[in-house]
Amino acid sequence: MVVDSTATDVPRREPMATDEAAPSRTLDREQTATLFGRTMVLVGVTAGFFAVGAYLARDLPPLWGLAFLVAAVVALFALEAAVNRSERVALAVLSGFGVLFGAALGPTVGYYVGAEPQTLVLAAVATGLFIGGFGAAGYATRRDLSGLARTLCWALVALIAFGVVLVFVQVPGGALIYAVIGLVIFAGLTSLDFQRLRRSKDIRTAPVMAASIFLDILNVFLLFLSLFRGGVR
């Protein structure tokens, strides 16, 4: 009787637990898929606005590029506040962010379109493979990558400082070193951003996630341009 009673109780409890857990897991998967899809659409939209900005500013002098870059950084910082305010405001800020970054890099992109289109194509293909590979790795891995965030941020600051040094001091192979180290850093940042994308459940974060991933793509693209061109001599 005791054995029979236990055997009867177990199947009654297990289906109840499974029935309660299954909808929760399904909901999490749906939320993650929705956030991923929305974020990637916004990455594409931002890239479109970037292209518009680059086209409009392709013939502007470099000083204008610096002004647009500062404005783009301001828009990036304003994006998180805009997300908390309303979706429409966030999307408007994200669109402006794309246009401003495009305008900042318009002369550079214009140069490659006219003088080295093959380098532009190679860099674009390499960027797609790079982001696809490390993004998939970050999205799929079960290892928590959040502990790398601080290290990667400081490494990025050090890389920027090294880039400033290269402007004033000739370092043998400096441009190559800069590009390779930059790609290593952005391999980590790309994986980290895609893992954050998988773990987040708040659909409102999509514009911020999109801006972060777009910056990963843009920086990797610029680093590949430098590599395939042979770097600044």
C-alpha atoms as a PDB file:
ATOM      1  CA  MET A   1       0.000   0.000   0.000  1.00  0.00           C
ATOM      2  CA  VAL A   2       2.828   2.427   0.859  1.00  0.00           C
ATOM      3  CA  VAL A   3       4.605   1.705  -2.399  1.00  0.00           C
ATOM      4  CA  ASP A   4       1.429   2.016  -4.404  1.00  0.00           C
ATOM      5  CA  SER A   5       0.549   5.287  -2.714  1.00  0.00           C
ATOM      6  CA  THR A   6       3.960   6.807  -3.436  1.00  0.00           C
ATOM      7  CA  ALA A   7       3.878   5.681  -7.016  1.00  0.00           C
ATOM      8  CA  THR A   8       0.483   7.284  -7.432  1.00  0.00           C
ATOM      9  CA  ASP A   9       1.496  10.595  -5.820  1.00  0.00           C
ATOM     10  CA  VAL A  10       4.599  11.091  -7.970  1.00  0.00           C
ATOM     11  CA  PRO A  11       2.902  11.142 -11.349  1.00  0.00           C
ATOM     12  CA  ARG A  12       0.275  13.504  -9.982  1.00  0.00           C
ATOM     13  CA  ARG A  13       2.883  16.032  -8.848  1.00  0.00           C
ATOM     14  CA  GLU A  14       5.272  15.809 -11.808  1.00  0.00           C
ATOM     15  CA  PRO A  15       2.800  16.809 -14.523  1.00  0.00           C
ATOM     16  CA  MET A  16       1.732  19.811 -12.417  1.00  0.00           C
ATOM     17  CA  ALA A  17       5.338  20.973 -12.043  1.00  0.00           C
ATOM     18  CA  THR A  18       5.989  20.404 -15.748  1.00  0.00           C
ATOM     19  CA  ASP A  19       2.823  22.226 -16.764  1.00  0.00           C
ATOM     20  CA  GLU A  20       3.832  25.266 -14.710  1.00  0.00           C
ATOM     21  CA  ALA A  21       7.446  25.316 -15.860  1.00  0.00           C
ATOM     22  CA  ALA A  22       6.835  24.752 -19.568  1.00  0.00           C
ATOM     23  CA  PRO A  23       4.900  27.988 -20.212  1.00  0.00           C
ATOM     24  CA  SER A  24       7.577  29.950 -18.357  1.00  0.00           C
ATOM     25  CA  ARG A  25      10.356  28.461 -20.476  1.00  0.00           C
ATOM     26  CA  THR A  26       8.326  29.014 -23.635  1.00  0.00           C
ATOM     27  CA  LEU A  27       7.671  32.624 -22.664  1.00  0.00           C
ATOM     28  CA  ASP A  28      11.381  33.194 -22.030  1.00  0.00           C
ATOM     29  CA  ARG A  29      12.253  31.771 -25.437  1.00  0.00           C
ATOM     30  CA  GLU A  30       9.619  33.916 -27.125  1.00  0.00           C
ATOM     31  CA  GLN A  31      10.827  37.044 -25.328  1.00  0.00           C
ATOM     32  CA  THR A  32      14.443  36.320 -26.260  1.00  0.00           C
ATOM     33  CA  ALA A  33      13.566  35.643 -29.889  1.00  0.00           C
ATOM     34  CA  THR A  34      11.471  38.819 -30.076  1.00  0.00           C
ATOM     35  CA  LEU A  35      14.237  40.935 -28.542  1.00  0.00           C
ATOM     36  CA  PHE A  36      16.856  39.387 -30.832  1.00  0.00           C
ATOM     37  CA  GLY A  37      14.761  39.969 -33.944  1.00  0.00           C
ATOM     38  CA  ARG A  38      13.870  43.538 -32.998  1.00  0.00           C
ATOM     39  CA  THR A  39      17.471  44.363 -32.103  1.00  0.00           C
ATOM     40  CA  MET A  40      18.852  43.032 -35.376  1.00  0.00           C
ATOM     41  CA  VAL A  41      16.207  44.939 -37.350  1.00  0.00           C
ATOM     42  CA  LEU A  42      17.271  48.114 -35.544  1.00  0.00           C
ATOM     43  CA  VAL A  43      20.925  47.343 -36.312  1.00  0.00           C
ATOM     44  CA  GLY A  44      19.961  47.203 -39.994  1.00  0.00           C
ATOM     45  CA  VAL A  45      17.971  50.434 -39.729  1.00  0.00           C
ATOM     46  CA  THR A  46      20.906  52.173 -38.015  1.00  0.00           C
ATOM     47  CA  ALA A  47      23.221  50.948 -40.777  1.00  0.00           C
ATOM     48  CA  GLY A  48      20.814  52.415 -43.329  1.00  0.00           C
ATOM     49  CA  PHE A  49      20.862  55.808 -41.642  1.00  0.00           C
ATOM     50  CA  PHE A  50      24.655  55.535 -41.380  1.00  0.00           C
ATOM     51  CA  ALA A  51      24.814  55.071 -45.166  1.00  0.00           C
ATOM     52  CA  VAL A  52      22.617  58.149 -45.676  1.00  0.00           C
ATOM     53  CA  GLY A  53      24.844  60.237 -43.413  1.00  0.00           C
ATOM     54  CA  ALA A  54      28.012  58.983 -45.104  1.00  0.00           C
ATOM     55  CA  TYR A  55      26.632  59.810 -48.546  1.00  0.00           C
ATOM     56  CA  LEU A  56      25.522  63.317 -47.586  1.00  0.00           C
ATOM     57  CA  ALA A  57      28.841  64.157 -45.887  1.00  0.00           C
ATOM     58  CA  ARG A  58      31.178  62.427 -48.345  1.00  0.00           C
ATOM     59  CA  ASP A  59      32.660  65.702 -49.639  1.00  0.00           C
ATOM     60  CA  LEU A  60      32.855  67.615 -46.369  1.00  0.00           C
ATOM     61  CA  PRO A  61      36.251  68.620 -44.894  1.00  0.00           C
ATOM     62  CA  PRO A  62      37.681  66.491 -42.019  1.00  0.00           C
ATOM     63  CA  LEU A  63      36.902  69.149 -39.398  1.00  0.00           C
ATOM     64  CA  TRP A  64      33.199  68.591 -39.971  1.00  0.00           C
ATOM     65  CA  GLY A  65      33.762  64.881 -39.418  1.00  0.00           C
ATOM     66  CA  LEU A  66      35.122  65.600 -35.959  1.00  0.00           C
ATOM     67  CA  ALA A  67      32.108  67.751 -35.104  1.00  0.00           C
ATOM     68  CA  PHE A  68      29.722  65.017 -36.266  1.00  0.00           C
ATOM     69  CA  LEU A  69      31.647  62.442 -34.241  1.00  0.00           C
ATOM     70  CA  VAL A  70      31.241  64.475 -31.056  1.00  0.00           C
ATOM     71  CA  ALA A  71      27.519  64.871 -31.792  1.00  0.00           C
ATOM     72  CA  ALA A  72      27.206  61.091 -32.372  1.00  0.00           C
ATOM     73  CA  VAL A  73      28.814  60.357 -28.998  1.00  0.00           C
ATOM     74  CA  VAL A  74      26.379  62.760 -27.334  1.00  0.00           C
ATOM     75  CA  ALA A  75      23.488  60.966 -29.074  1.00  0.00           C
ATOM     76  CA  LEU A  76      24.819  57.638 -27.797  1.00  0.00           C
ATOM     77  CA  PHE A  77      24.774  58.849 -24.212  1.00  0.00           C
ATOM     78  CA  ALA A  78      21.302  60.328 -24.722  1.00  0.00           C
ATOM     79  CA  LEU A  79      19.956  57.031 -26.047  1.00  0.00           C
ATOM     80  CA  GLU A  80      19.610  55.293 -22.693  1.00  0.00           C
ATOM     81  CA  ALA A  81      17.687  58.237 -21.241  1.00  0.00           C
ATOM     82  CA  ALA A  82      15.483  58.245 -24.341  1.00  0.00           C
ATOM     83  CA  VAL A  83      14.699  54.534 -23.853  1.00  0.00           C
ATOM     84  CA  ASN A  84      13.332  55.276 -20.398  1.00  0.00           C
ATOM     85  CA  ARG A  85      11.226  58.091 -21.793  1.00  0.00           C
ATOM     86  CA  SER A  86       9.450  56.542 -24.800  1.00  0.00           C
ATOM     87  CA  GLU A  87      10.016  54.142 -27.675  1.00  0.00           C
ATOM     88  CA  ARG A  88       9.493  56.800 -30.332  1.00  0.00           C
ATOM     89  CA  VAL A  89      12.059  59.119 -28.799  1.00  0.00           C
ATOM     90  CA  ALA A  90      14.544  56.234 -28.500  1.00  0.00           C
ATOM     91  CA  LEU A  91      14.098  55.286 -32.155  1.00  0.00           C
ATOM     92  CA  ALA A  92      14.516  58.920 -33.226  1.00  0.00           C
ATOM     93  CA  VAL A  93      17.736  59.224 -31.209  1.00  0.00           C
ATOM     94  CA  LEU A  94      19.027  55.920 -32.614  1.00  0.00           C
ATOM     95  CA  SER A  95      18.326  57.104 -36.165  1.00  0.00           C
ATOM     96  CA  GLY A  96      20.115  60.373 -35.499  1.00  0.00           C
ATOM     97  CA  PHE A  97      23.006  58.424 -33.991  1.00  0.00           C
ATOM     98  CA  GLY A  98      23.339  56.460 -37.231  1.00  0.00           C
ATOM     99  CA  VAL A  99      23.217  59.550 -39.437  1.00  0.00           C
ATOM    100  CA  LEU A 100      25.778  61.405 -37.316  1.00  0.00           C
ATOM    101  CA  PHE A 101      28.232  58.520 -37.297  1.00  0.00           C
ATOM    102  CA  GLY A 102      27.791  58.173 -41.047  1.00  0.00           C
ATOM    103  CA  ALA A 103      28.482  61.867 -41.511  1.00  0.00           C
ATOM    104  CA  ALA A 104      31.563  61.611 -39.287  1.00  0.00           C
ATOM    105  CA  LEU A 105      33.003  58.835 -41.452  1.00  0.00           C
ATOM    106  CA  GLY A 106      31.601  60.036 -44.774  1.00  0.00           C
ATOM    107  CA  PRO A 107      34.913  61.346 -46.176  1.00  0.00           C
ATOM    108  CA  THR A 108      36.698  58.104 -45.209  1.00  0.00           C
ATOM    109  CA  VAL A 109      34.059  55.895 -46.817  1.00  0.00           C
ATOM    110  CA  GLY A 110      33.984  58.200 -49.847  1.00  0.00           C
ATOM    111  CA  TYR A 111      37.734  57.824 -50.296  1.00  0.00           C
ATOM    112  CA  TYR A 112      37.558  54.034 -50.306  1.00  0.00           C
ATOM    113  CA  VAL A 113      34.576  53.999 -52.669  1.00  0.00           C
ATOM    114  CA  GLY A 114      36.527  56.072 -55.176  1.00  0.00           C
ATOM    115  CA  ALA A 115      40.104  54.834 -54.706  1.00  0.00           C
ATOM    116  CA  GLU A 116      39.971  51.336 -53.186  1.00  0.00           C
ATOM    117  CA  PRO A 117      36.536  49.755 -53.695  1.00  0.00           C
ATOM    118  CA  GLN A 118      38.010  46.243 -53.509  1.00  0.00           C
ATOM    119  CA  THR A 119      39.352  47.000 -50.034  1.00  0.00           C
ATOM    120  CA  LEU A 120      35.889  48.166 -49.018  1.00  0.00           C
ATOM    121  CA  VAL A 121      34.333  44.913 -50.237  1.00  0.00           C
ATOM    122  CA  LEU A 122      36.955  42.737 -48.542  1.00  0.00           C
ATOM    123  CA  ALA A 123      36.527  44.599 -45.271  1.00  0.00           C
ATOM    124  CA  ALA A 124      32.731  44.249 -45.469  1.00  0.00           C
ATOM    125  CA  VAL A 125      32.932  40.485 -46.090  1.00  0.00           C
ATOM    126  CA  ALA A 126      35.497  39.983 -43.330  1.00  0.00           C
ATOM    127  CA  THR A 127      33.363  42.027 -40.939  1.00  0.00           C
ATOM    128  CA  GLY A 128      30.284  39.932 -41.690  1.00  0.00           C
ATOM    129  CA  LEU A 129      32.184  36.698 -41.028  1.00  0.00           C
ATOM    130  CA  PHE A 130      33.812  38.116 -37.890  1.00  0.00           C
ATOM    131  CA  ILE A 131      30.601  39.424 -36.331  1.00  0.00           C
ATOM    132  CA  GLY A 132      28.667  36.330 -37.363  1.00  0.00           C
ATOM    133  CA  GLY A 133      31.242  33.996 -35.838  1.00  0.00           C
ATOM    134  CA  PHE A 134      31.918  35.739 -32.550  1.00  0.00           C
ATOM    135  CA  GLY A 135      28.308  36.859 -32.199  1.00  0.00           C
ATOM    136  CA  ALA A 136      27.099  33.272 -32.566  1.00  0.00           C
ATOM    137  CA  ALA A 137      29.735  32.076 -30.107  1.00  0.00           C
ATOM    138  CA  GLY A 138      28.686  34.650 -27.522  1.00  0.00           C
ATOM    139  CA  TYR A 139      24.995  33.959 -28.049  1.00  0.00           C
ATOM    140  CA  ALA A 140      25.423  30.192 -27.725  1.00  0.00           C
ATOM    141  CA  THR A 141      27.949  29.871 -24.918  1.00  0.00           C
ATOM    142  CA  ARG A 142      26.795  29.002 -21.419  1.00  0.00           C
ATOM    143  CA  ARG A 143      29.878  30.520 -19.848  1.00  0.00           C
ATOM    144  CA  ASP A 144      29.198  33.855 -18.189  1.00  0.00           C
ATOM    145  CA  LEU A 145      31.224  36.475 -20.064  1.00  0.00           C
ATOM    146  CA  SER A 146      30.140  39.433 -17.942  1.00  0.00           C
ATOM    147  CA  GLY A 147      33.347  39.226 -15.907  1.00  0.00           C
ATOM    148  CA  LEU A 148      35.291  40.235 -19.029  1.00  0.00           C
ATOM    149  CA  ALA A 149      33.431  43.529 -19.415  1.00  0.00           C
ATOM    150  CA  ARG A 150      35.695  45.607 -17.175  1.00  0.00           C
ATOM    151  CA  THR A 151      38.877  44.151 -18.660  1.00  0.00           C
ATOM    152  CA  LEU A 152      37.676  44.739 -22.214  1.00  0.00           C
ATOM    153  CA  CYS A 153      36.665  48.320 -21.442  1.00  0.00           C
ATOM    154  CA  TRP A 154      40.084  49.142 -19.997  1.00  0.00           C
ATOM    155  CA  ALA A 155      41.759  47.388 -22.925  1.00  0.00           C
ATOM    156  CA  LEU A 156      39.720  49.573 -25.283  1.00  0.00           C
ATOM    157  CA  VAL A 157      40.791  52.717 -23.416  1.00  0.00           C
ATOM    158  CA  ALA A 158      44.426  51.595 -23.695  1.00  0.00           C
ATOM    159  CA  LEU A 159      43.959  50.946 -27.418  1.00  0.00           C
ATOM    160  CA  ILE A 160      42.560  54.450 -27.933  1.00  0.00           C
ATOM    161  CA  ALA A 161      45.554  55.892 -26.074  1.00  0.00           C
ATOM    162  CA  PHE A 162      47.890  53.842 -28.272  1.00  0.00           C
ATOM    163  CA  GLY A 163      46.100  55.185 -31.342  1.00  0.00           C
ATOM    164  CA  VAL A 164      46.709  58.748 -30.152  1.00  0.00           C
ATOM    165  CA  VAL A 165      50.403  57.951 -29.685  1.00  0.00           C
ATOM    166  CA  LEU A 166      50.578  56.614 -33.241  1.00  0.00           C
ATOM    167  CA  VAL A 167      49.363  59.972 -34.547  1.00  0.00           C
ATOM    168  CA  PHE A 168      52.456  61.708 -33.150  1.00  0.00           C
ATOM    169  CA  VAL A 169      55.065  58.930 -32.977  1.00  0.00           C
ATOM    170  CA  GLN A 170      56.109  56.505 -35.700  1.00  0.00           C
ATOM    171  CA  VAL A 171      56.109  52.976 -34.297  1.00  0.00           C
ATOM    172  CA  PRO A 172      57.322  50.197 -36.624  1.00  0.00           C
ATOM    173  CA  GLY A 173      54.285  48.081 -37.463  1.00  0.00           C
ATOM    174  CA  GLY A 174      52.200  50.254 -35.164  1.00  0.00           C
ATOM    175  CA  ALA A 175      49.125  50.302 -37.400  1.00  0.00           C
ATOM    176  CA  LEU A 176      49.192  46.522 -37.760  1.00  0.00           C
ATOM    177  CA  ILE A 177      49.570  46.052 -34.005  1.00  0.00           C
ATOM    178  CA  TYR A 178      46.712  48.481 -33.413  1.00  0.00           C
ATOM    179  CA  ALA A 179      44.393  46.664 -35.834  1.00  0.00           C
ATOM    180  CA  VAL A 180      45.164  43.159 -34.539  1.00  0.00           C
ATOM    181  CA  ILE A 181      44.777  44.116 -30.875  1.00  0.00           C
ATOM    182  CA  GLY A 182      41.590  45.991 -31.754  1.00  0.00           C
ATOM    183  CA  LEU A 183      40.116  42.926 -33.415  1.00  0.00           C
ATOM    184  CA  VAL A 184      40.950  40.807 -30.368  1.00  0.00           C
ATOM    185  CA  ILE A 185      39.207  43.320 -28.107  1.00  0.00           C
ATOM    186  CA  PHE A 186      36.132  43.545 -30.328  1.00  0.00           C
ATOM    187  CA  ALA A 187      35.956  39.771 -30.586  1.00  0.00           C
ATOM    188  CA  GLY A 188      35.365  39.802 -26.835  1.00  0.00           C
ATOM    189  CA  LEU A 189      32.998  42.783 -26.920  1.00  0.00           C
ATOM    190  CA  THR A 190      30.943  41.258 -29.737  1.00  0.00           C
ATOM    191  CA  SER A 191      30.587  37.965 -27.880  1.00  0.00           C
ATOM    192  CA  LEU A 192      29.667  39.834 -24.713  1.00  0.00           C
ATOM    193  CA  ASP A 193      27.027  41.980 -26.440  1.00  0.00           C
ATOM    194  CA  PHE A 194      25.363  38.986 -28.070  1.00  0.00           C
ATOM    195  CA  GLN A 195      25.304  37.129 -24.757  1.00  0.00           C
ATOM    196  CA  ARG A 196      23.650  40.155 -23.149  1.00  0.00           C
ATOM    197  CA  LEU A 197      21.154  40.099 -25.987  1.00  0.00           C
ATOM    198  CA  ARG A 198      20.283  36.472 -25.258  1.00  0.00           C
ATOM    199  CA  ARG A 199      19.979  36.985 -21.514  1.00  0.00           C
ATOM    200  CA  SER A 200      17.951  40.191 -21.562  1.00  0.00           C
ATOM    201  CA  LYS A 201      14.155  39.899 -21.460  1.00  0.00           C
ATOM    202  CA  ASP A 202      13.263  43.601 -21.628  1.00  0.00           C
ATOM    203  CA  ILE A 203      12.162  44.520 -25.157  1.00  0.00           C
ATOM    204  CA  ARG A 204      12.733  48.201 -24.328  1.00  0.00           C
ATOM    205  CA  THR A 205      16.501  47.612 -24.349  1.00  0.00           C
ATOM    206  CA  ALA A 206      16.473  46.812 -28.091  1.00  0.00           C
ATOM    207  CA  PRO A 207      17.635  50.309 -29.232  1.00  0.00           C
ATOM    208  CA  VAL A 208      20.526  50.328 -26.749  1.00  0.00           C
ATOM    209  CA  MET A 209      21.517  46.785 -27.728  1.00  0.00           C
ATOM    210  CA  ALA A 210      21.301  47.749 -31.399  1.00  0.00           C
ATOM    211  CA  ALA A 211      23.569  50.766 -30.891  1.00  0.00           C
ATOM    212  CA  SER A 212      26.130  48.642 -29.042  1.00  0.00           C
ATOM    213  CA  ILE A 213      26.187  45.905 -31.690  1.00  0.00           C
ATOM    214  CA  PHE A 214      26.283  48.491 -34.485  1.00  0.00           C
ATOM    215  CA  LEU A 215      29.369  50.045 -32.881  1.00  0.00           C
ATOM    216  CA  ASP A 216      30.992  46.612 -32.714  1.00  0.00           C
ATOM    217  CA  ILE A 217      30.312  46.138 -36.435  1.00  0.00           C
ATOM    218  CA  LEU A 218      31.524  49.620 -37.343  1.00  0.00           C
ATOM    219  CA  ASN A 219      34.776  49.360 -35.388  1.00  0.00           C
ATOM    220  CA  VAL A 220      35.556  45.904 -36.746  1.00  0.00           C
ATOM    221  CA  PHE A 221      34.891  47.200 -40.268  1.00  0.00           C
ATOM    222  CA  LEU A 222      37.285  50.122 -39.788  1.00  0.00           C
ATOM    223  CA  LEU A 223      39.956  47.828 -38.345  1.00  0.00           C
ATOM    224  CA  PHE A 224      39.692  45.506 -41.345  1.00  0.00           C
ATOM    225  CA  LEU A 225      39.932  48.501 -43.669  1.00  0.00           C
ATOM    226  CA  SER A 226      43.210  49.399 -41.989  1.00  0.00           C
ATOM    227  CA  LEU A 227      44.497  45.823 -42.260  1.00  0.00           C
ATOM    228  CA  PHE A 228      43.609  45.325 -45.907  1.00  0.00           C
ATOM    229  CA  ARG A 229      44.970  48.717 -46.864  1.00  0.00           C
ATOM    230  CA  GLY A 230      48.222  47.907 -45.106  1.00  0.00           C
ATOM    231  CA  GLY A 231      47.710  50.441 -42.323  1.00  0.00           C
ATOM    232  CA  VAL A 232      48.873  54.025 -41.995  1.00  0.00           C
ATOM    233  CA  ARG A 233      52.563  54.407 -42.761  1.00  0.00           C
END
